[in-house]
Amino acid sequence: QVQLRESGGDSVEAGGSLRLSCTASEDVNNFECMTWFRQAPGKQREGVAAHERDGEQVYADSVEHRFTISRDNVKNTLYLQMDYLKVDDTAMYYCAASTTTWCRRLYGGSWHDWRYADWGQGTQVTVSY
């Protein structure tokens, strides 16, 4: 089974930046989609940013123009650069990977968490005033 390990979570002030990393135990080219989800206390898990194998990137409206997702195929690592952080970005951030094409934006599957078979343990991001 694939292992995904997130890192980079921290406590920052609003307006600050963080970069999250997700390192996979196998070649990330095996995955059709690699996606960051987040879950805040008392809220449902939501998709944040997705990276498809062909390079297409998908962003939730709440983070577009502030977050940037990228994938390093040599290091087998997915990144999430988060700038202009807001208090509302406070959450546990999870990395997920899918080998099915149904996760693609073309099929409306970017935020369908049931399309993703492999998940990391999460990394906490806390943004304060």
N, C-alpha and C. Protein backbone atom coordinates (compact mmCIF):
# COMPACT_ATOMS: atom_id res chain seq x y z
N GLN A 1 0.84 -1.18 0.00
CA GLN A 1 0.00 0.00 0.00
C GLN A 1 0.88 1.24 0.00
N VAL A 2 0.41 2.25 -0.72
CA VAL A 2 1.16 3.50 -0.83
C VAL A 2 1.16 4.22 0.51
N GLN A 3 2.30 4.78 0.85
CA GLN A 3 2.39 5.62 2.03
C GLN A 3 2.59 7.07 1.60
N LEU A 4 1.78 7.95 2.17
CA LEU A 4 1.89 9.37 1.92
C LEU A 4 2.19 10.05 3.25
N ARG A 5 3.21 10.88 3.26
CA ARG A 5 3.59 11.54 4.51
C ARG A 5 3.65 13.03 4.30
N GLU A 6 2.79 13.75 5.02
CA GLU A 6 2.75 15.20 4.93
C GLU A 6 3.70 15.83 5.95
N SER A 7 4.15 17.01 5.62
CA SER A 7 4.95 17.80 6.55
C SER A 7 4.81 19.27 6.19
N GLY A 8 5.27 20.13 7.08
CA GLY A 8 5.28 21.56 6.80
C GLY A 8 4.23 22.37 7.54
N GLY A 9 3.30 21.69 8.20
CA GLY A 9 2.29 22.43 8.95
C GLY A 9 2.90 23.18 10.12
N ASP A 10 2.28 24.31 10.45
CA ASP A 10 2.83 25.15 11.53
C ASP A 10 1.77 26.16 11.95
N SER A 11 2.13 26.97 12.93
CA SER A 11 1.28 28.09 13.35
C SER A 11 1.87 29.37 12.81
N VAL A 12 1.05 30.15 12.13
CA VAL A 12 1.52 31.40 11.52
C VAL A 12 0.47 32.48 11.74
N GLU A 13 0.89 33.71 11.52
CA GLU A 13 -0.06 34.83 11.60
C GLU A 13 -0.73 35.03 10.25
N ALA A 14 -1.91 35.60 10.30
CA ALA A 14 -2.63 35.91 9.07
C ALA A 14 -1.76 36.76 8.16
N GLY A 15 -1.81 36.44 6.87
CA GLY A 15 -0.97 37.12 5.89
C GLY A 15 0.34 36.41 5.62
N GLY A 16 0.66 35.45 6.44
CA GLY A 16 1.91 34.72 6.27
C GLY A 16 1.83 33.61 5.24
N SER A 17 2.91 32.85 5.13
CA SER A 17 3.02 31.79 4.14
C SER A 17 3.53 30.50 4.77
N LEU A 18 3.14 29.39 4.16
CA LEU A 18 3.65 28.07 4.51
C LEU A 18 3.75 27.25 3.25
N ARG A 19 4.64 26.27 3.28
CA ARG A 19 4.69 25.29 2.18
C ARG A 19 4.56 23.90 2.77
N LEU A 20 3.51 23.20 2.33
CA LEU A 20 3.30 21.83 2.75
C LEU A 20 3.92 20.89 1.74
N SER A 21 4.40 19.76 2.24
CA SER A 21 4.97 18.72 1.38
C SER A 21 4.27 17.40 1.66
N CYS A 22 4.17 16.58 0.64
CA CYS A 22 3.61 15.24 0.77
C CYS A 22 4.51 14.31 -0.03
N THR A 23 5.23 13.46 0.67
CA THR A 23 6.15 12.54 0.01
C THR A 23 5.53 11.16 -0.10
N ALA A 24 5.57 10.60 -1.30
CA ALA A 24 4.98 9.29 -1.56
C ALA A 24 6.05 8.20 -1.53
N SER A 25 5.61 6.99 -1.19
CA SER A 25 6.54 5.86 -1.10
C SER A 25 6.76 5.20 -2.45
N GLU A 26 6.07 5.70 -3.50
CA GLU A 26 6.27 5.16 -4.83
C GLU A 26 6.23 6.29 -5.84
N ASP A 27 6.47 5.95 -7.08
CA ASP A 27 6.52 6.92 -8.17
C ASP A 27 5.18 7.66 -8.29
N VAL A 28 5.23 8.98 -8.15
CA VAL A 28 3.98 9.75 -8.21
C VAL A 28 3.37 9.77 -9.60
N ASN A 29 4.14 9.34 -10.60
CA ASN A 29 3.56 9.23 -11.94
C ASN A 29 2.50 8.14 -12.02
N ASN A 30 2.47 7.30 -10.99
CA ASN A 30 1.44 6.25 -10.94
C ASN A 30 0.05 6.82 -10.66
N PHE A 31 0.01 8.07 -10.17
CA PHE A 31 -1.25 8.65 -9.72
C PHE A 31 -1.84 9.59 -10.77
N GLU A 32 -3.09 9.39 -11.06
CA GLU A 32 -3.79 10.26 -11.98
C GLU A 32 -3.98 11.64 -11.34
N CYS A 33 -4.29 11.63 -10.05
CA CYS A 33 -4.50 12.88 -9.31
C CYS A 33 -3.81 12.80 -7.95
N MET A 34 -3.22 13.90 -7.56
CA MET A 34 -2.76 14.05 -6.18
C MET A 34 -3.36 15.36 -5.68
N THR A 35 -3.98 15.29 -4.52
CA THR A 35 -4.84 16.39 -4.08
C THR A 35 -4.65 16.69 -2.60
N TRP A 36 -4.76 17.96 -2.29
CA TRP A 36 -4.78 18.38 -0.89
C TRP A 36 -6.23 18.61 -0.47
N PHE A 37 -6.59 17.99 0.63
CA PHE A 37 -7.87 18.22 1.29
C PHE A 37 -7.57 18.85 2.65
N ARG A 38 -8.60 19.44 3.26
CA ARG A 38 -8.43 19.95 4.61
C ARG A 38 -9.72 19.75 5.38
N GLN A 39 -9.57 19.70 6.69
CA GLN A 39 -10.73 19.57 7.54
C GLN A 39 -10.51 20.40 8.80
N ALA A 40 -11.42 21.34 9.02
CA ALA A 40 -11.39 22.17 10.22
C ALA A 40 -12.31 21.55 11.26
N PRO A 41 -12.08 21.82 12.52
CA PRO A 41 -12.93 21.25 13.58
C PRO A 41 -14.40 21.59 13.36
N GLY A 42 -15.23 20.55 13.40
CA GLY A 42 -16.66 20.75 13.25
C GLY A 42 -17.13 20.95 11.83
N LYS A 43 -16.21 20.84 10.87
CA LYS A 43 -16.59 21.04 9.47
C LYS A 43 -16.28 19.79 8.66
N GLN A 44 -16.91 19.72 7.49
CA GLN A 44 -16.66 18.60 6.59
C GLN A 44 -15.32 18.77 5.89
N ARG A 45 -14.75 17.66 5.51
CA ARG A 45 -13.51 17.69 4.75
C ARG A 45 -13.81 18.32 3.38
N GLU A 46 -12.89 19.15 2.92
CA GLU A 46 -13.10 19.82 1.63
C GLU A 46 -11.82 19.75 0.80
N GLY A 47 -12.00 19.72 -0.50
CA GLY A 47 -10.87 19.76 -1.41
C GLY A 47 -10.30 21.16 -1.50
N VAL A 48 -8.99 21.24 -1.60
CA VAL A 48 -8.31 22.53 -1.64
C VAL A 48 -7.64 22.75 -2.99
N ALA A 49 -6.80 21.80 -3.38
CA ALA A 49 -6.06 21.93 -4.63
C ALA A 49 -5.71 20.54 -5.14
N ALA A 50 -5.85 20.37 -6.46
CA ALA A 50 -5.59 19.08 -7.09
C ALA A 50 -4.58 19.24 -8.21
N HIS A 51 -3.73 18.23 -8.36
CA HIS A 51 -2.76 18.22 -9.44
C HIS A 51 -2.94 16.93 -10.23
N GLU A 52 -3.26 17.09 -11.51
CA GLU A 52 -3.47 15.93 -12.36
C GLU A 52 -2.17 15.56 -13.06
N ARG A 53 -2.07 14.32 -13.49
CA ARG A 53 -0.82 13.81 -14.03
C ARG A 53 -0.34 14.60 -15.24
N ASP A 54 -1.28 15.13 -16.04
CA ASP A 54 -0.88 15.89 -17.22
C ASP A 54 -0.50 17.33 -16.88
N GLY A 55 -0.52 17.67 -15.60
CA GLY A 55 -0.10 19.00 -15.17
C GLY A 55 -1.23 19.95 -14.84
N GLU A 56 -2.46 19.56 -15.16
CA GLU A 56 -3.59 20.45 -14.87
C GLU A 56 -3.73 20.63 -13.37
N GLN A 57 -4.04 21.86 -12.98
CA GLN A 57 -4.23 22.19 -11.58
C GLN A 57 -5.66 22.67 -11.37
N VAL A 58 -6.22 22.28 -10.24
CA VAL A 58 -7.58 22.66 -9.89
C VAL A 58 -7.55 23.25 -8.49
N TYR A 59 -8.25 24.36 -8.32
CA TYR A 59 -8.26 25.03 -7.02
C TYR A 59 -9.69 25.29 -6.56
N ALA A 60 -9.88 25.18 -5.26
CA ALA A 60 -11.14 25.63 -4.67
C ALA A 60 -11.20 27.15 -4.76
N ASP A 61 -12.40 27.67 -4.89
CA ASP A 61 -12.56 29.13 -5.02
C ASP A 61 -11.94 29.87 -3.83
N SER A 62 -12.01 29.26 -2.66
CA SER A 62 -11.55 29.93 -1.45
C SER A 62 -10.04 30.12 -1.39
N VAL A 63 -9.30 29.36 -2.22
CA VAL A 63 -7.84 29.44 -2.15
C VAL A 63 -7.20 29.88 -3.46
N GLU A 64 -8.00 30.00 -4.52
CA GLU A 64 -7.43 30.36 -5.82
C GLU A 64 -6.73 31.70 -5.73
N HIS A 65 -5.59 31.81 -6.37
CA HIS A 65 -4.72 33.00 -6.41
C HIS A 65 -3.96 33.20 -5.11
N ARG A 66 -4.16 32.31 -4.13
CA ARG A 66 -3.36 32.38 -2.90
C ARG A 66 -2.51 31.12 -2.72
N PHE A 67 -3.03 29.97 -3.15
CA PHE A 67 -2.33 28.70 -3.02
C PHE A 67 -1.85 28.22 -4.37
N THR A 68 -0.72 27.50 -4.37
CA THR A 68 -0.19 26.93 -5.60
C THR A 68 0.21 25.49 -5.34
N ILE A 69 -0.31 24.58 -6.16
CA ILE A 69 0.02 23.17 -6.02
C ILE A 69 1.04 22.79 -7.09
N SER A 70 1.96 21.92 -6.72
CA SER A 70 2.95 21.45 -7.68
C SER A 70 3.37 20.03 -7.33
N ARG A 71 3.93 19.34 -8.32
CA ARG A 71 4.35 17.95 -8.12
C ARG A 71 5.76 17.79 -8.65
N ASP A 72 6.64 17.23 -7.83
CA ASP A 72 8.02 16.94 -8.24
C ASP A 72 8.13 15.45 -8.48
N ASN A 73 8.22 15.07 -9.76
CA ASN A 73 8.22 13.65 -10.11
C ASN A 73 9.54 12.96 -9.76
N VAL A 74 10.59 13.72 -9.59
CA VAL A 74 11.89 13.14 -9.23
C VAL A 74 11.92 12.84 -7.74
N LYS A 75 11.41 13.76 -6.94
CA LYS A 75 11.41 13.58 -5.49
C LYS A 75 10.16 12.85 -5.00
N ASN A 76 9.26 12.53 -5.92
CA ASN A 76 8.00 11.86 -5.54
C ASN A 76 7.26 12.64 -4.46
N THR A 77 7.18 13.94 -4.66
CA THR A 77 6.62 14.81 -3.64
C THR A 77 5.61 15.79 -4.24
N LEU A 78 4.53 15.98 -3.53
CA LEU A 78 3.51 16.97 -3.86
C LEU A 78 3.67 18.14 -2.90
N TYR A 79 3.53 19.35 -3.42
CA TYR A 79 3.68 20.54 -2.59
C TYR A 79 2.41 21.39 -2.62
N LEU A 80 2.25 22.17 -1.58
CA LEU A 80 1.20 23.19 -1.56
C LEU A 80 1.81 24.45 -0.97
N GLN A 81 2.04 25.43 -1.84
CA GLN A 81 2.53 26.73 -1.39
C GLN A 81 1.32 27.57 -1.01
N MET A 82 1.29 28.00 0.22
CA MET A 82 0.14 28.75 0.72
C MET A 82 0.60 30.15 1.11
N ASP A 83 0.08 31.14 0.41
CA ASP A 83 0.42 32.54 0.67
C ASP A 83 -0.83 33.30 1.11
N TYR A 84 -0.60 34.45 1.74
CA TYR A 84 -1.71 35.30 2.19
C TYR A 84 -2.71 34.49 3.01
N LEU A 85 -2.18 33.74 3.95
CA LEU A 85 -3.01 32.85 4.75
C LEU A 85 -4.02 33.64 5.57
N LYS A 86 -5.21 33.04 5.71
CA LYS A 86 -6.30 33.63 6.48
C LYS A 86 -6.61 32.72 7.67
N VAL A 87 -7.27 33.29 8.65
CA VAL A 87 -7.67 32.50 9.82
C VAL A 87 -8.54 31.32 9.39
N ASP A 88 -9.37 31.54 8.37
CA ASP A 88 -10.25 30.48 7.87
C ASP A 88 -9.50 29.33 7.22
N ASP A 89 -8.21 29.49 6.98
CA ASP A 89 -7.41 28.39 6.42
C ASP A 89 -6.97 27.40 7.50
N THR A 90 -7.24 27.71 8.74
CA THR A 90 -6.87 26.82 9.84
C THR A 90 -7.57 25.47 9.69
N ALA A 91 -6.79 24.40 9.66
CA ALA A 91 -7.35 23.07 9.45
C ALA A 91 -6.23 22.04 9.49
N MET A 92 -6.64 20.78 9.52
CA MET A 92 -5.71 19.68 9.27
C MET A 92 -5.70 19.47 7.76
N TYR A 93 -4.53 19.45 7.18
CA TYR A 93 -4.38 19.29 5.74
C TYR A 93 -3.91 17.87 5.42
N TYR A 94 -4.61 17.25 4.48
CA TYR A 94 -4.33 15.87 4.10
C TYR A 94 -3.95 15.81 2.63
N CYS A 95 -3.02 14.93 2.35
CA CYS A 95 -2.63 14.62 0.98
C CYS A 95 -3.34 13.32 0.59
N ALA A 96 -3.85 13.27 -0.63
CA ALA A 96 -4.52 12.07 -1.12
C ALA A 96 -4.10 11.80 -2.55
N ALA A 97 -4.13 10.53 -2.92
CA ALA A 97 -3.72 10.13 -4.27
C ALA A 97 -4.73 9.17 -4.86
N SER A 98 -4.93 9.30 -6.17
CA SER A 98 -5.88 8.45 -6.87
C SER A 98 -5.27 7.94 -8.16
N THR A 99 -5.52 6.68 -8.48
CA THR A 99 -5.06 6.11 -9.74
C THR A 99 -6.17 6.04 -10.78
N THR A 100 -7.37 6.43 -10.40
CA THR A 100 -8.49 6.38 -11.33
C THR A 100 -8.66 7.72 -12.04
N THR A 101 -9.03 7.67 -13.31
CA THR A 101 -9.23 8.90 -14.06
C THR A 101 -10.45 9.67 -13.59
N TRP A 102 -11.33 9.01 -12.84
CA TRP A 102 -12.54 9.67 -12.38
C TRP A 102 -12.27 10.79 -11.40
N CYS A 103 -11.03 10.93 -10.94
CA CYS A 103 -10.70 12.03 -10.03
C CYS A 103 -10.48 13.34 -10.78
N ARG A 104 -10.40 13.26 -12.11
CA ARG A 104 -10.04 14.43 -12.90
C ARG A 104 -11.16 15.46 -12.94
N ARG A 105 -10.78 16.71 -13.13
CA ARG A 105 -11.77 17.79 -13.23
C ARG A 105 -12.72 17.53 -14.40
N LEU A 106 -12.20 16.93 -15.47
CA LEU A 106 -13.02 16.62 -16.64
C LEU A 106 -14.28 15.85 -16.26
N TYR A 107 -14.15 15.02 -15.22
CA TYR A 107 -15.29 14.20 -14.81
C TYR A 107 -15.92 14.73 -13.54
N GLY A 108 -15.50 15.93 -13.13
CA GLY A 108 -16.07 16.52 -11.92
C GLY A 108 -15.66 15.83 -10.63
N GLY A 109 -14.51 15.13 -10.67
CA GLY A 109 -14.15 14.30 -9.53
C GLY A 109 -13.09 14.84 -8.60
N SER A 110 -12.62 16.06 -8.84
CA SER A 110 -11.49 16.57 -8.07
C SER A 110 -11.70 16.52 -6.57
N TRP A 111 -12.92 16.83 -6.12
CA TRP A 111 -13.16 16.92 -4.67
C TRP A 111 -13.95 15.73 -4.13
N HIS A 112 -14.11 14.70 -4.95
CA HIS A 112 -14.81 13.50 -4.49
C HIS A 112 -13.83 12.62 -3.73
N ASP A 113 -13.84 12.75 -2.42
CA ASP A 113 -12.81 12.07 -1.64
C ASP A 113 -12.90 10.54 -1.76
N TRP A 114 -14.04 10.00 -2.17
CA TRP A 114 -14.13 8.55 -2.31
C TRP A 114 -13.36 8.03 -3.53
N ARG A 115 -12.92 8.96 -4.40
CA ARG A 115 -12.11 8.56 -5.56
C ARG A 115 -10.66 8.29 -5.16
N TYR A 116 -10.30 8.68 -3.94
CA TYR A 116 -8.91 8.61 -3.51
C TYR A 116 -8.71 7.44 -2.55
N ALA A 117 -7.88 6.49 -2.94
CA ALA A 117 -7.67 5.29 -2.12
C ALA A 117 -6.57 5.47 -1.08
N ASP A 118 -5.68 6.40 -1.32
CA ASP A 118 -4.52 6.55 -0.44
C ASP A 118 -4.50 7.94 0.19
N TRP A 119 -4.29 7.96 1.50
CA TRP A 119 -4.32 9.19 2.29
C TRP A 119 -3.15 9.24 3.26
N GLY A 120 -2.68 10.46 3.51
CA GLY A 120 -1.69 10.65 4.55
C GLY A 120 -2.35 10.87 5.89
N GLN A 121 -1.53 11.07 6.91
CA GLN A 121 -2.02 11.25 8.28
C GLN A 121 -2.39 12.69 8.58
N GLY A 122 -1.94 13.61 7.77
CA GLY A 122 -2.31 15.01 7.95
C GLY A 122 -1.23 15.83 8.61
N THR A 123 -1.28 17.13 8.35
CA THR A 123 -0.39 18.08 9.00
C THR A 123 -1.21 19.31 9.37
N GLN A 124 -1.03 19.82 10.57
CA GLN A 124 -1.88 20.88 11.10
C GLN A 124 -1.37 22.26 10.69
N VAL A 125 -2.30 23.07 10.18
CA VAL A 125 -2.01 24.47 9.87
C VAL A 125 -2.92 25.33 10.75
N THR A 126 -2.32 26.22 11.49
CA THR A 126 -3.07 27.12 12.35
C THR A 126 -2.69 28.55 12.02
N VAL A 127 -3.70 29.34 11.68
CA VAL A 127 -3.49 30.74 11.32
C VAL A 127 -4.20 31.62 12.35
N SER A 128 -3.47 32.55 12.93
CA SER A 128 -4.05 33.41 13.96
C SER A 128 -3.94 34.87 13.55
N TYR A 129 -4.72 35.70 14.22
CA TYR A 129 -4.70 37.14 13.94
C TYR A 129 -3.42 37.76 14.46
